[in-house]
Protein backbone atom coordinates (compact mmCIF):
# COMPACT_ATOMS: atom_id res chain seq x y z
CA MET A 1 41.39 18.71 -22.08
CA PRO A 2 38.52 21.23 -22.52
CA ALA A 3 39.51 24.90 -22.81
CA THR A 4 37.77 25.82 -19.54
CA LYS A 5 39.75 23.15 -17.63
CA VAL A 6 42.99 24.43 -19.16
CA ALA A 7 42.07 28.02 -18.19
CA ALA A 8 41.22 26.96 -14.63
CA GLN A 9 44.45 24.97 -14.26
CA ASP A 10 46.40 27.94 -15.65
CA ALA A 11 44.70 30.25 -13.14
CA LEU A 12 45.49 27.82 -10.32
CA GLY A 13 49.16 27.83 -11.37
CA ARG A 14 49.26 31.64 -11.43
CA VAL A 15 47.66 31.86 -7.97
CA GLN A 16 50.09 29.29 -6.57
CA ALA A 17 53.08 31.10 -8.10
CA ALA A 18 51.99 34.47 -6.66
CA LEU A 19 51.12 33.21 -3.18
CA GLY A 20 53.69 30.46 -2.65
CA ASP A 21 53.28 28.60 0.64
CA LYS A 22 50.65 31.08 1.90
CA ALA A 23 48.09 29.26 -0.30
CA VAL A 24 47.23 26.02 1.46
CA GLU A 25 45.37 23.21 -0.32
CA PRO A 26 45.01 25.05 -3.67
CA GLN A 27 42.57 23.41 -6.06
CA VAL A 28 40.10 24.08 -8.83
CA ASN A 29 36.50 23.67 -7.74
CA PHE A 30 33.70 24.20 -10.32
CA GLY A 31 36.02 26.35 -12.44
CA GLN A 32 37.05 28.57 -9.52
CA VAL A 33 40.32 28.59 -7.61
CA ASP A 34 39.91 27.58 -3.98
CA ILE A 35 42.67 28.20 -1.45
CA ALA A 36 42.93 28.18 2.31
CA CYS A 37 45.13 30.49 4.30
CA ALA A 38 45.89 31.12 7.94
CA PRO A 39 44.20 34.19 9.45
CA GLU A 40 47.56 35.93 9.96
CA HIS A 41 48.19 35.75 6.18
CA LEU A 42 44.73 36.87 4.97
CA VAL A 43 45.51 40.56 4.44
CA GLU A 44 48.73 39.76 2.59
CA VAL A 45 47.03 37.08 0.44
CA ALA A 46 44.15 39.42 -0.49
CA SER A 47 46.62 42.22 -1.30
CA ILE A 48 48.69 39.94 -3.55
CA LEU A 49 45.60 38.66 -5.36
CA ARG A 50 44.46 42.27 -5.92
CA ASP A 51 47.84 43.75 -6.92
CA ASP A 52 49.55 40.98 -8.92
CA PRO A 53 49.20 41.95 -12.62
CA GLY A 54 48.72 38.32 -13.64
CA LEU A 55 45.74 38.00 -11.30
CA SER A 56 44.20 41.47 -10.75
CA CYS A 57 41.45 40.22 -8.40
CA ARG A 58 40.40 43.77 -7.64
CA PHE A 59 36.69 43.06 -7.33
CA PHE A 60 35.62 42.08 -3.80
CA THR A 61 32.41 40.06 -4.13
CA PHE A 62 31.59 38.91 -0.61
CA LEU A 63 32.80 37.78 2.78
CA SER A 64 30.85 35.57 5.13
CA ALA A 65 31.41 32.57 7.36
CA VAL A 66 30.51 28.89 7.40
CA ASP A 67 29.88 26.80 10.50
CA ARG A 68 30.95 23.30 9.45
CA SER A 69 30.67 21.88 12.95
CA GLU A 70 28.20 19.21 13.91
CA PHE A 71 25.06 20.52 15.59
CA GLY A 72 25.86 21.65 19.12
CA ASP A 73 29.61 20.89 18.86
CA GLU A 74 31.47 24.20 19.03
CA GLY A 75 34.91 22.61 18.87
CA GLN A 76 35.53 22.61 15.10
CA GLY A 77 34.62 23.83 11.68
CA LEU A 78 34.27 27.63 11.75
CA GLU A 79 35.75 29.47 8.77
CA VAL A 80 35.62 32.84 7.06
CA LEU A 81 34.98 32.66 3.32
CA VAL A 82 36.10 35.45 0.96
CA HIS A 83 35.37 35.62 -2.78
CA LEU A 84 37.41 37.82 -5.12
CA TYR A 85 37.04 38.25 -8.87
CA SER A 86 39.29 39.48 -11.67
CA PRO A 87 37.34 41.01 -14.56
CA ASP A 88 40.60 41.28 -16.54
CA HIS A 89 41.33 37.55 -16.37
CA VAL A 90 37.80 36.20 -15.71
CA LEU A 91 39.17 34.59 -12.57
CA HIS A 92 37.26 33.67 -9.40
CA VAL A 93 39.22 33.00 -6.20
CA ASN A 94 37.69 31.69 -2.98
CA ILE A 95 39.75 32.09 0.19
CA HIS A 96 38.88 29.81 3.13
CA VAL A 97 40.20 31.07 6.46
CA PRO A 98 39.78 28.64 9.38
CA VAL A 99 39.29 30.42 12.70
CA ASN A 100 39.49 29.09 16.23
CA PRO A 101 35.88 28.52 17.37
CA ALA A 102 36.84 29.07 21.01
CA ALA A 103 38.18 32.58 20.20
CA PRO A 104 37.06 33.40 16.62
CA VAL A 105 39.26 36.26 15.40
CA CYS A 106 40.22 37.24 11.87
CA PRO A 107 41.97 40.38 10.62
CA THR A 108 39.86 42.93 8.80
CA LEU A 109 40.08 43.33 5.04
CA THR A 110 38.78 46.91 5.12
CA GLY A 111 42.29 48.22 4.42
CA VAL A 112 42.44 46.15 1.22
CA PHE A 113 38.77 46.29 0.17
CA TRP A 114 36.60 48.94 1.82
CA GLY A 115 33.55 46.97 0.67
CA ALA A 116 34.42 44.29 3.24
CA SER A 117 33.23 46.58 6.04
CA TRP A 118 29.52 45.73 5.84
CA HIS A 119 30.22 42.01 5.29
CA GLU A 120 32.50 41.82 8.33
CA ARG A 121 29.91 43.56 10.50
CA GLU A 122 27.24 41.08 9.41
CA THR A 123 29.58 38.10 9.92
CA ARG A 124 30.51 39.27 13.43
CA GLU A 125 26.86 39.71 14.32
CA MET A 126 25.64 36.40 12.90
CA PHE A 127 28.65 34.12 13.59
CA GLY A 128 30.51 35.87 16.43
CA ILE A 129 33.80 36.27 14.54
CA HIS A 130 35.69 39.39 15.64
CA PHE A 131 37.50 41.24 12.83
CA SER A 132 40.52 42.84 14.47
CA GLY A 133 41.24 46.33 13.19
CA HIS A 134 37.73 46.90 11.84
CA PRO A 135 36.78 50.58 12.27
CA ASN A 136 33.11 50.07 13.28
CA LEU A 137 32.01 46.58 14.35
CA THR A 138 28.45 47.45 15.34
CA ASN A 139 25.31 45.43 14.78
CA LEU A 140 23.36 45.78 11.54
CA TYR A 141 20.23 43.75 12.26
CA LEU A 142 19.98 42.67 15.88
CA PRO A 143 19.53 44.84 18.97
CA GLU A 144 22.78 45.52 20.85
CA ASP A 145 21.56 43.51 23.87
CA PHE A 146 20.79 40.40 21.76
CA GLU A 147 22.54 37.33 23.13
CA GLY A 148 24.09 34.75 20.82
CA HIS A 149 24.90 34.43 17.13
CA PRO A 150 21.94 33.10 15.10
CA LEU A 151 23.88 31.45 12.24
CA LEU A 152 25.97 29.20 14.48
CA LYS A 153 24.66 25.65 14.59
CA SER A 154 24.93 25.76 18.39
CA PHE A 155 22.43 28.67 18.58
CA LYS A 156 19.15 27.58 20.19
CA LEU A 157 16.13 29.00 18.41
CA PRO A 158 13.46 30.41 20.72
CA SER A 159 10.10 28.69 20.47
CA ARG A 160 7.57 30.44 18.27
CA LEU A 161 4.55 32.03 19.80
CA ILE A 162 1.28 31.23 18.11
CA LYS A 163 -0.79 34.34 17.63
CA GLU A 164 -4.23 34.84 16.24
CA TRP A 165 -4.18 36.00 12.66
CA PRO A 166 -5.47 39.58 12.58
CA GLY A 167 -6.69 39.22 8.98
CA ALA A 168 -9.48 36.78 9.76
CA LYS A 169 -12.74 38.03 8.23
CA ASP A 170 -15.11 35.18 8.97
CA PRO A 171 -16.28 34.96 12.65
CA ASP A 172 -15.77 31.16 12.64
CA GLU A 173 -12.26 31.65 11.25
CA ALA A 174 -11.44 34.24 13.95
CA ALA A 175 -12.77 31.93 16.68
CA ALA A 176 -10.51 29.14 15.39
CA GLY A 177 -7.48 31.43 15.67
CA GLY A 178 -7.44 32.34 11.97
CA ARG A 179 -6.55 28.83 10.84
């Protein structure tokens, strides 16, 4: 077995030993450890991954969400995705947290990784997932009165307005709408 496969399998074993039954469906995927966990265990799982000396995943890389539902079907497939990294052990861990699409709520990780604050705000704005306990869930990009969550597959895009191109220099080009 190649050394990288051995290292990944060893890392998977260490993650499983540290998390026990809180790590659901643990596997190695492209050299990274992938686990799923219930939302109510997320803070504990992230804390263990950060604090366990055999793992030391103290580097928070990102948090976002994935809408795995079929287009227009809001009944399934929404999950929060968290990536942690251990520079000490060269270990990547991806945490998949399925959330209920009818009432998408996930606990905040800001108490474990302050860097999660911005990511959770963006994820709430774009996917509609509420991060309970977050100190400041305000919009980053969209106006406060914006309706909907643009990265959900069920979000209907408004039709584009065709405007004349203001950079047209040729009179014929301007008359044709700048095309």
